[in-house]
Amino acid sequence: MYIAKVVGNVVATKKNDTLLGSKLMIVQPVNSSLENDGQEEVAADFVGAGIGEYVLVGSGSSVRVEEERKRSTIDLAIIGIIDDVVR
């Protein structure tokens, strides 16, 4: 799991059936000071995040634990919206 900033969204009119209904967002990993720290990636949005928000991102099979997502092609997902970072 890591912190990222939502920097855009992806519109795909044709996609794998397991992605139907999923909102796809572009996320930019950031460090604990909220400074850019990696390449942009595409993540499925499970929580309704918006552009400009800082989010928690999970990856791999752990983002597919719910029954309806077990067979999906999702490998990266926004799993939380960050309200504050306290160091």
PDB file of N, CA and C in Angstrom:
ATOM      1  N   MET A   1       0.856  -1.166   0.000  1.00  0.00           N
ATOM      2  CA  MET A   1       0.000   0.000   0.000  1.00  0.00           C
ATOM      3  C   MET A   1       0.903   1.230   0.000  1.00  0.00           C
ATOM      4  N   TYR A   2       0.465   2.263  -0.721  1.00  0.00           N
ATOM      5  CA  TYR A   2       1.229   3.500  -0.739  1.00  0.00           C
ATOM      6  C   TYR A   2       0.311   4.705  -0.917  1.00  0.00           C
ATOM      7  N   ILE A   3       0.888   5.891  -0.713  1.00  0.00           N
ATOM      8  CA  ILE A   3       0.148   7.148  -0.858  1.00  0.00           C
ATOM      9  C   ILE A   3       0.350   7.664  -2.281  1.00  0.00           C
ATOM     10  N   ALA A   4      -0.722   8.176  -2.876  1.00  0.00           N
ATOM     11  CA  ALA A   4      -0.644   8.743  -4.218  1.00  0.00           C
ATOM     12  C   ALA A   4      -1.601   9.917  -4.318  1.00  0.00           C
ATOM     13  N   LYS A   5      -1.404  10.721  -5.347  1.00  0.00           N
ATOM     14  CA  LYS A   5      -2.323  11.818  -5.654  1.00  0.00           C
ATOM     15  C   LYS A   5      -3.048  11.473  -6.945  1.00  0.00           C
ATOM     16  N   VAL A   6      -4.353  11.667  -6.977  1.00  0.00           N
ATOM     17  CA  VAL A   6      -5.123  11.427  -8.189  1.00  0.00           C
ATOM     18  C   VAL A   6      -4.899  12.614  -9.119  1.00  0.00           C
ATOM     19  N   VAL A   7      -4.376  12.343 -10.323  1.00  0.00           N
ATOM     20  CA  VAL A   7      -4.029  13.423 -11.245  1.00  0.00           C
ATOM     21  C   VAL A   7      -4.862  13.422 -12.526  1.00  0.00           C
ATOM     22  N   GLY A   8      -5.710  12.429 -12.703  1.00  0.00           N
ATOM     23  CA  GLY A   8      -6.539  12.382 -13.910  1.00  0.00           C
ATOM     24  C   GLY A   8      -7.416  11.151 -13.916  1.00  0.00           C
ATOM     25  N   ASN A   9      -8.170  11.006 -14.993  1.00  0.00           N
ATOM     26  CA  ASN A   9      -8.974   9.802 -15.140  1.00  0.00           C
ATOM     27  C   ASN A   9      -8.806   9.228 -16.540  1.00  0.00           C
ATOM     28  N   VAL A  10      -9.266   8.002 -16.705  1.00  0.00           N
ATOM     29  CA  VAL A  10      -9.151   7.313 -17.981  1.00  0.00           C
ATOM     30  C   VAL A  10     -10.558   6.964 -18.450  1.00  0.00           C
ATOM     31  N   VAL A  11     -10.854   7.274 -19.705  1.00  0.00           N
ATOM     32  CA  VAL A  11     -12.127   6.880 -20.300  1.00  0.00           C
ATOM     33  C   VAL A  11     -11.830   5.789 -21.317  1.00  0.00           C
ATOM     34  N   ALA A  12     -12.439   4.620 -21.118  1.00  0.00           N
ATOM     35  CA  ALA A  12     -12.235   3.491 -22.029  1.00  0.00           C
ATOM     36  C   ALA A  12     -13.602   2.934 -22.415  1.00  0.00           C
ATOM     37  N   THR A  13     -13.999   3.155 -23.664  1.00  0.00           N
ATOM     38  CA  THR A  13     -15.305   2.666 -24.095  1.00  0.00           C
ATOM     39  C   THR A  13     -15.290   1.158 -24.332  1.00  0.00           C
ATOM     40  N   LYS A  14     -14.127   0.596 -24.616  1.00  0.00           N
ATOM     41  CA  LYS A  14     -13.985  -0.856 -24.752  1.00  0.00           C
ATOM     42  C   LYS A  14     -12.981  -1.323 -23.724  1.00  0.00           C
ATOM     43  N   LYS A  15     -13.388  -2.292 -22.914  1.00  0.00           N
ATOM     44  CA  LYS A  15     -12.490  -2.832 -21.900  1.00  0.00           C
ATOM     45  C   LYS A  15     -12.961  -4.230 -21.521  1.00  0.00           C
ATOM     46  N   ASN A  16     -12.136  -4.945 -20.811  1.00  0.00           N
ATOM     47  CA  ASN A  16     -12.472  -6.279 -20.342  1.00  0.00           C
ATOM     48  C   ASN A  16     -13.764  -6.230 -19.544  1.00  0.00           C
ATOM     49  N   ASP A  17     -14.586  -7.249 -19.701  1.00  0.00           N
ATOM     50  CA  ASP A  17     -15.885  -7.279 -19.012  1.00  0.00           C
ATOM     51  C   ASP A  17     -15.757  -7.150 -17.493  1.00  0.00           C
ATOM     52  N   THR A  18     -14.655  -7.619 -16.923  1.00  0.00           N
ATOM     53  CA  THR A  18     -14.486  -7.531 -15.466  1.00  0.00           C
ATOM     54  C   THR A  18     -14.253  -6.099 -14.994  1.00  0.00           C
ATOM     55  N   LEU A  19     -13.998  -5.180 -15.922  1.00  0.00           N
ATOM     56  CA  LEU A  19     -13.789  -3.777 -15.572  1.00  0.00           C
ATOM     57  C   LEU A  19     -15.043  -2.925 -15.760  1.00  0.00           C
ATOM     58  N   LEU A  20     -16.108  -3.515 -16.293  1.00  0.00           N
ATOM     59  CA  LEU A  20     -17.340  -2.752 -16.501  1.00  0.00           C
ATOM     60  C   LEU A  20     -17.830  -2.194 -15.169  1.00  0.00           C
ATOM     61  N   GLY A  21     -18.157  -0.922 -15.155  1.00  0.00           N
ATOM     62  CA  GLY A  21     -18.617  -0.265 -13.942  1.00  0.00           C
ATOM     63  C   GLY A  21     -17.501   0.276 -13.065  1.00  0.00           C
ATOM     64  N   SER A  22     -16.264   0.000 -13.420  1.00  0.00           N
ATOM     65  CA  SER A  22     -15.132   0.503 -12.633  1.00  0.00           C
ATOM     66  C   SER A  22     -14.688   1.861 -13.155  1.00  0.00           C
ATOM     67  N   LYS A  23     -14.489   2.807 -12.252  1.00  0.00           N
ATOM     68  CA  LYS A  23     -13.924   4.109 -12.598  1.00  0.00           C
ATOM     69  C   LYS A  23     -12.411   3.954 -12.565  1.00  0.00           C
ATOM     70  N   LEU A  24     -11.729   4.373 -13.620  1.00  0.00           N
ATOM     71  CA  LEU A  24     -10.277   4.253 -13.704  1.00  0.00           C
ATOM     72  C   LEU A  24      -9.639   5.630 -13.552  1.00  0.00           C
ATOM     73  N   MET A  25      -8.706   5.726 -12.608  1.00  0.00           N
ATOM     74  CA  MET A  25      -8.068   7.001 -12.303  1.00  0.00           C
ATOM     75  C   MET A  25      -6.553   6.904 -12.496  1.00  0.00           C
ATOM     76  N   ILE A  26      -5.933   8.014 -12.862  1.00  0.00           N
ATOM     77  CA  ILE A  26      -4.474   8.093 -12.968  1.00  0.00           C
ATOM     78  C   ILE A  26      -3.960   8.588 -11.622  1.00  0.00           C
ATOM     79  N   VAL A  27      -3.043   7.816 -11.033  1.00  0.00           N
ATOM     80  CA  VAL A  27      -2.478   8.189  -9.734  1.00  0.00           C
ATOM     81  C   VAL A  27      -0.975   8.399  -9.851  1.00  0.00           C
ATOM     82  N   GLN A  28      -0.470   9.356  -9.093  1.00  0.00           N
ATOM     83  CA  GLN A  28       0.958   9.681  -9.036  1.00  0.00           C
ATOM     84  C   GLN A  28       1.449   9.365  -7.633  1.00  0.00           C
ATOM     85  N   PRO A  29       2.289   8.341  -7.454  1.00  0.00           N
ATOM     86  CA  PRO A  29       2.819   8.053  -6.115  1.00  0.00           C
ATOM     87  C   PRO A  29       3.534   9.276  -5.528  1.00  0.00           C
ATOM     88  N   VAL A  30       3.394   9.460  -4.205  1.00  0.00           N
ATOM     89  CA  VAL A  30       4.052  10.561  -3.502  1.00  0.00           C
ATOM     90  C   VAL A  30       4.738  10.011  -2.264  1.00  0.00           C
ATOM     91  N   ASN A  31       5.701  10.772  -1.731  1.00  0.00           N
ATOM     92  CA  ASN A  31       6.360  10.366  -0.487  1.00  0.00           C
ATOM     93  C   ASN A  31       5.592  10.945   0.709  1.00  0.00           C
ATOM     94  N   SER A  32       6.111  10.757   1.900  1.00  0.00           N
ATOM     95  CA  SER A  32       5.394  11.211   3.104  1.00  0.00           C
ATOM     96  C   SER A  32       5.297  12.733   3.200  1.00  0.00           C
ATOM     97  N   SER A  33       6.095  13.454   2.414  1.00  0.00           N
ATOM     98  CA  SER A  33       5.983  14.915   2.349  1.00  0.00           C
ATOM     99  C   SER A  33       5.040  15.357   1.238  1.00  0.00           C
ATOM    100  N   LEU A  34       4.356  14.380   0.632  1.00  0.00           N
ATOM    101  CA  LEU A  34       3.403  14.591  -0.455  1.00  0.00           C
ATOM    102  C   LEU A  34       4.050  15.185  -1.704  1.00  0.00           C
ATOM    103  N   GLU A  35       5.319  14.830  -1.937  1.00  0.00           N
ATOM    104  CA  GLU A  35       6.036  15.232  -3.142  1.00  0.00           C
ATOM    105  C   GLU A  35       6.064  14.052  -4.105  1.00  0.00           C
ATOM    106  N   ASN A  36       6.006  14.332  -5.418  1.00  0.00           N
ATOM    107  CA  ASN A  36       6.007  13.265  -6.422  1.00  0.00           C
ATOM    108  C   ASN A  36       7.141  12.280  -6.177  1.00  0.00           C
ATOM    109  N   ASP A  37       6.812  10.986  -6.320  1.00  0.00           N
ATOM    110  CA  ASP A  37       7.793   9.954  -5.998  1.00  0.00           C
ATOM    111  C   ASP A  37       7.585   8.703  -6.855  1.00  0.00           C
ATOM    112  N   GLY A  38       7.451   8.876  -8.156  1.00  0.00           N
ATOM    113  CA  GLY A  38       7.279   7.709  -9.013  1.00  0.00           C
ATOM    114  C   GLY A  38       6.481   8.029 -10.255  1.00  0.00           C
ATOM    115  N   GLN A  39       6.350   7.024 -11.107  1.00  0.00           N
ATOM    116  CA  GLN A  39       5.641   7.197 -12.364  1.00  0.00           C
ATOM    117  C   GLN A  39       4.134   7.063 -12.165  1.00  0.00           C
ATOM    118  N   GLU A  40       3.387   7.741 -13.011  1.00  0.00           N
ATOM    119  CA  GLU A  40       1.933   7.653 -12.962  1.00  0.00           C
ATOM    120  C   GLU A  40       1.469   6.249 -13.341  1.00  0.00           C
ATOM    121  N   GLU A  41       0.362   5.829 -12.716  1.00  0.00           N
ATOM    122  CA  GLU A  41      -0.216   4.521 -12.981  1.00  0.00           C
ATOM    123  C   GLU A  41      -1.727   4.662 -13.040  1.00  0.00           C
ATOM    124  N   VAL A  42      -2.393   3.641 -13.567  1.00  0.00           N
ATOM    125  CA  VAL A  42      -3.850   3.624 -13.618  1.00  0.00           C
ATOM    126  C   VAL A  42      -4.360   2.682 -12.541  1.00  0.00           C
ATOM    127  N   ALA A  43      -5.335   3.147 -11.760  1.00  0.00           N
ATOM    128  CA  ALA A  43      -5.907   2.347 -10.677  1.00  0.00           C
ATOM    129  C   ALA A  43      -7.426   2.375 -10.752  1.00  0.00           C
ATOM    130  N   ALA A  44      -8.047   1.253 -10.428  1.00  0.00           N
ATOM    131  CA  ALA A  44      -9.499   1.215 -10.295  1.00  0.00           C
ATOM    132  C   ALA A  44      -9.854   1.951  -9.005  1.00  0.00           C
ATOM    133  N   ASP A  45     -10.929   2.729  -9.049  1.00  0.00           N
ATOM    134  CA  ASP A  45     -11.326   3.522  -7.887  1.00  0.00           C
ATOM    135  C   ASP A  45     -12.467   2.831  -7.159  1.00  0.00           C
ATOM    136  N   PHE A  46     -12.203   2.315  -5.953  1.00  0.00           N
ATOM    137  CA  PHE A  46     -13.215   1.623  -5.154  1.00  0.00           C
ATOM    138  C   PHE A  46     -13.938   2.546  -4.184  1.00  0.00           C
ATOM    139  N   VAL A  47     -13.494   3.815  -4.064  1.00  0.00           N
ATOM    140  CA  VAL A  47     -14.031   4.677  -2.996  1.00  0.00           C
ATOM    141  C   VAL A  47     -14.581   6.022  -3.468  1.00  0.00           C
ATOM    142  N   GLY A  48     -14.570   6.301  -4.747  1.00  0.00           N
ATOM    143  CA  GLY A  48     -15.106   7.561  -5.245  1.00  0.00           C
ATOM    144  C   GLY A  48     -14.171   8.740  -5.115  1.00  0.00           C
ATOM    145  N   ALA A  49     -12.886   8.532  -5.312  1.00  0.00           N
ATOM    146  CA  ALA A  49     -11.894   9.608  -5.212  1.00  0.00           C
ATOM    147  C   ALA A  49     -12.021  10.562  -6.403  1.00  0.00           C
ATOM    148  N   GLY A  50     -11.565  11.787  -6.190  1.00  0.00           N
ATOM    149  CA  GLY A  50     -11.591  12.790  -7.250  1.00  0.00           C
ATOM    150  C   GLY A  50     -10.199  13.304  -7.561  1.00  0.00           C
ATOM    151  N   ILE A  51     -10.095  13.967  -8.689  1.00  0.00           N
ATOM    152  CA  ILE A  51      -8.814  14.537  -9.106  1.00  0.00           C
ATOM    153  C   ILE A  51      -8.356  15.546  -8.061  1.00  0.00           C
ATOM    154  N   GLY A  52      -7.074  15.461  -7.689  1.00  0.00           N
ATOM    155  CA  GLY A  52      -6.485  16.355  -6.696  1.00  0.00           C
ATOM    156  C   GLY A  52      -6.454  15.779  -5.293  1.00  0.00           C
ATOM    157  N   GLU A  53      -7.155  14.681  -5.047  1.00  0.00           N
ATOM    158  CA  GLU A  53      -7.175  14.094  -3.711  1.00  0.00           C
ATOM    159  C   GLU A  53      -5.984  13.159  -3.505  1.00  0.00           C
ATOM    160  N   TYR A  54      -5.550  13.069  -2.259  1.00  0.00           N
ATOM    161  CA  TYR A  54      -4.521  12.104  -1.878  1.00  0.00           C
ATOM    162  C   TYR A  54      -5.224  10.835  -1.424  1.00  0.00           C
ATOM    163  N   VAL A  55      -4.696   9.689  -1.869  1.00  0.00           N
ATOM    164  CA  VAL A  55      -5.388   8.423  -1.653  1.00  0.00           C
ATOM    165  C   VAL A  55      -4.418   7.328  -1.215  1.00  0.00           C
ATOM    166  N   LEU A  56      -4.982   6.256  -0.678  1.00  0.00           N
ATOM    167  CA  LEU A  56      -4.226   5.035  -0.400  1.00  0.00           C
ATOM    168  C   LEU A  56      -4.444   4.095  -1.568  1.00  0.00           C
ATOM    169  N   VAL A  57      -3.367   3.504  -2.063  1.00  0.00           N
ATOM    170  CA  VAL A  57      -3.434   2.607  -3.211  1.00  0.00           C
ATOM    171  C   VAL A  57      -2.928   1.231  -2.792  1.00  0.00           C
ATOM    172  N   GLY A  58      -3.690   0.201  -3.129  1.00  0.00           N
ATOM    173  CA  GLY A  58      -3.294  -1.176  -2.870  1.00  0.00           C
ATOM    174  C   GLY A  58      -3.028  -1.875  -4.195  1.00  0.00           C
ATOM    175  N   SER A  59      -2.242  -2.942  -4.164  1.00  0.00           N
ATOM    176  CA  SER A  59      -1.922  -3.638  -5.410  1.00  0.00           C
ATOM    177  C   SER A  59      -1.966  -5.151  -5.242  1.00  0.00           C
ATOM    178  N   GLY A  60      -2.004  -5.826  -6.375  1.00  0.00           N
ATOM    179  CA  GLY A  60      -1.968  -7.283  -6.388  1.00  0.00           C
ATOM    180  C   GLY A  60      -3.283  -7.928  -6.000  1.00  0.00           C
ATOM    181  N   SER A  61      -3.189  -9.188  -5.601  1.00  0.00           N
ATOM    182  CA  SER A  61      -4.398  -9.961  -5.299  1.00  0.00           C
ATOM    183  C   SER A  61      -5.164  -9.422  -4.094  1.00  0.00           C
ATOM    184  N   SER A  62      -4.513  -8.640  -3.249  1.00  0.00           N
ATOM    185  CA  SER A  62      -5.201  -8.109  -2.068  1.00  0.00           C
ATOM    186  C   SER A  62      -6.312  -7.124  -2.428  1.00  0.00           C
ATOM    187  N   VAL A  63      -6.302  -6.547  -3.623  1.00  0.00           N
ATOM    188  CA  VAL A  63      -7.373  -5.633  -4.019  1.00  0.00           C
ATOM    189  C   VAL A  63      -8.544  -6.385  -4.647  1.00  0.00           C
ATOM    190  N   ARG A  64      -8.435  -7.707  -4.748  1.00  0.00           N
ATOM    191  CA  ARG A  64      -9.502  -8.516  -5.342  1.00  0.00           C
ATOM    192  C   ARG A  64     -10.093  -9.502  -4.336  1.00  0.00           C
ATOM    193  N   VAL A  65     -10.181  -9.170  -3.074  1.00  0.00           N
ATOM    194  CA  VAL A  65     -10.656 -10.100  -2.056  1.00  0.00           C
ATOM    195  C   VAL A  65     -12.177 -10.218  -2.018  1.00  0.00           C
ATOM    196  N   GLU A  66     -12.891  -9.195  -2.445  1.00  0.00           N
ATOM    197  CA  GLU A  66     -14.352  -9.268  -2.447  1.00  0.00           C
ATOM    198  C   GLU A  66     -14.820 -10.252  -3.514  1.00  0.00           C
ATOM    199  N   GLU A  67     -15.887 -10.953  -3.237  1.00  0.00           N
ATOM    200  CA  GLU A  67     -16.370 -12.023  -4.115  1.00  0.00           C
ATOM    201  C   GLU A  67     -16.569 -11.566  -5.558  1.00  0.00           C
ATOM    202  N   GLU A  68     -17.173 -10.387  -5.757  1.00  0.00           N
ATOM    203  CA  GLU A  68     -17.448  -9.928  -7.118  1.00  0.00           C
ATOM    204  C   GLU A  68     -16.191  -9.478  -7.868  1.00  0.00           C
ATOM    205  N   ARG A  69     -15.078  -9.324  -7.169  1.00  0.00           N
ATOM    206  CA  ARG A  69     -13.841  -8.865  -7.818  1.00  0.00           C
ATOM    207  C   ARG A  69     -12.787  -9.963  -7.941  1.00  0.00           C
ATOM    208  N   LYS A  70     -13.047 -11.154  -7.451  1.00  0.00           N
ATOM    209  CA  LYS A  70     -12.029 -12.216  -7.432  1.00  0.00           C
ATOM    210  C   LYS A  70     -11.476 -12.550  -8.807  1.00  0.00           C
ATOM    211  N   ARG A  71     -12.278 -12.455  -9.840  1.00  0.00           N
ATOM    212  CA  ARG A  71     -11.830 -12.818 -11.188  1.00  0.00           C
ATOM    213  C   ARG A  71     -11.566 -11.601 -12.064  1.00  0.00           C
ATOM    214  N   SER A  72     -11.523 -10.429 -11.472  1.00  0.00           N
ATOM    215  CA  SER A  72     -11.305  -9.215 -12.261  1.00  0.00           C
ATOM    216  C   SER A  72      -9.844  -9.083 -12.672  1.00  0.00           C
ATOM    217  N   THR A  73      -9.615  -8.222 -13.646  1.00  0.00           N
ATOM    218  CA  THR A  73      -8.262  -7.973 -14.144  1.00  0.00           C
ATOM    219  C   THR A  73      -7.583  -6.829 -13.412  1.00  0.00           C
ATOM    220  N   ILE A  74      -8.161  -6.391 -12.316  1.00  0.00           N
ATOM    221  CA  ILE A  74      -7.631  -5.258 -11.542  1.00  0.00           C
ATOM    222  C   ILE A  74      -6.370  -5.676 -10.786  1.00  0.00           C
ATOM    223  N   ASP A  75      -5.308  -4.875 -10.924  1.00  0.00           N
ATOM    224  CA  ASP A  75      -4.067  -5.118 -10.195  1.00  0.00           C
ATOM    225  C   ASP A  75      -3.699  -3.955  -9.279  1.00  0.00           C
ATOM    226  N   LEU A  76      -4.364  -2.812  -9.448  1.00  0.00           N
ATOM    227  CA  LEU A  76      -4.070  -1.621  -8.661  1.00  0.00           C
ATOM    228  C   LEU A  76      -5.393  -0.929  -8.362  1.00  0.00           C
ATOM    229  N   ALA A  77      -5.612  -0.561  -7.101  1.00  0.00           N
ATOM    230  CA  ALA A  77      -6.894   0.048  -6.744  1.00  0.00           C
ATOM    231  C   ALA A  77      -6.735   1.119  -5.683  1.00  0.00           C
ATOM    232  N   ILE A  78      -7.557   2.154  -5.805  1.00  0.00           N
ATOM    233  CA  ILE A  78      -7.661   3.176  -4.768  1.00  0.00           C
ATOM    234  C   ILE A  78      -8.582   2.600  -3.702  1.00  0.00           C
ATOM    235  N   ILE A  79      -8.050   2.475  -2.464  1.00  0.00           N
ATOM    236  CA  ILE A  79      -8.805   1.825  -1.409  1.00  0.00           C
ATOM    237  C   ILE A  79      -9.132   2.760  -0.239  1.00  0.00           C
ATOM    238  N   GLY A  80      -8.681   4.008  -0.316  1.00  0.00           N
ATOM    239  CA  GLY A  80      -8.982   4.966   0.735  1.00  0.00           C
ATOM    240  C   GLY A  80      -8.650   6.378   0.313  1.00  0.00           C
ATOM    241  N   ILE A  81      -9.379   7.345   0.850  1.00  0.00           N
ATOM    242  CA  ILE A  81      -9.112   8.765   0.626  1.00  0.00           C
ATOM    243  C   ILE A  81      -8.480   9.326   1.895  1.00  0.00           C
ATOM    244  N   ILE A  82      -7.355   9.991   1.750  1.00  0.00           N
ATOM    245  CA  ILE A  82      -6.606  10.506   2.909  1.00  0.00           C
ATOM    246  C   ILE A  82      -7.132  11.880   3.316  1.00  0.00           C
ATOM    247  N   ASP A  83      -7.440  12.016   4.586  1.00  0.00           N
ATOM    248  CA  ASP A  83      -7.883  13.310   5.131  1.00  0.00           C
ATOM    249  C   ASP A  83      -6.708  14.148   5.610  1.00  0.00           C
ATOM    250  N   ASP A  84      -5.696  13.484   6.201  1.00  0.00           N
ATOM    251  CA  ASP A  84      -4.574  14.209   6.779  1.00  0.00           C
ATOM    252  C   ASP A  84      -3.386  13.264   6.926  1.00  0.00           C
ATOM    253  N   VAL A  85      -2.191  13.790   6.824  1.00  0.00           N
ATOM    254  CA  VAL A  85      -0.970  13.027   7.069  1.00  0.00           C
ATOM    255  C   VAL A  85      -0.256  13.690   8.249  1.00  0.00           C
ATOM    256  N   VAL A  86      -0.095  12.970   9.344  1.00  0.00           N
ATOM    257  CA  VAL A  86       0.554  13.501  10.537  1.00  0.00           C
ATOM    258  C   VAL A  86       1.874  12.779  10.707  1.00  0.00           C
ATOM    259  N   ARG A  87       2.944  13.527  10.840  1.00  0.00           N
ATOM    260  CA  ARG A  87       4.275  12.912  10.979  1.00  0.00           C
ATOM    261  C   ARG A  87       4.865  13.241  12.311  1.00  0.00           C
TER     262      ARG A  87
END
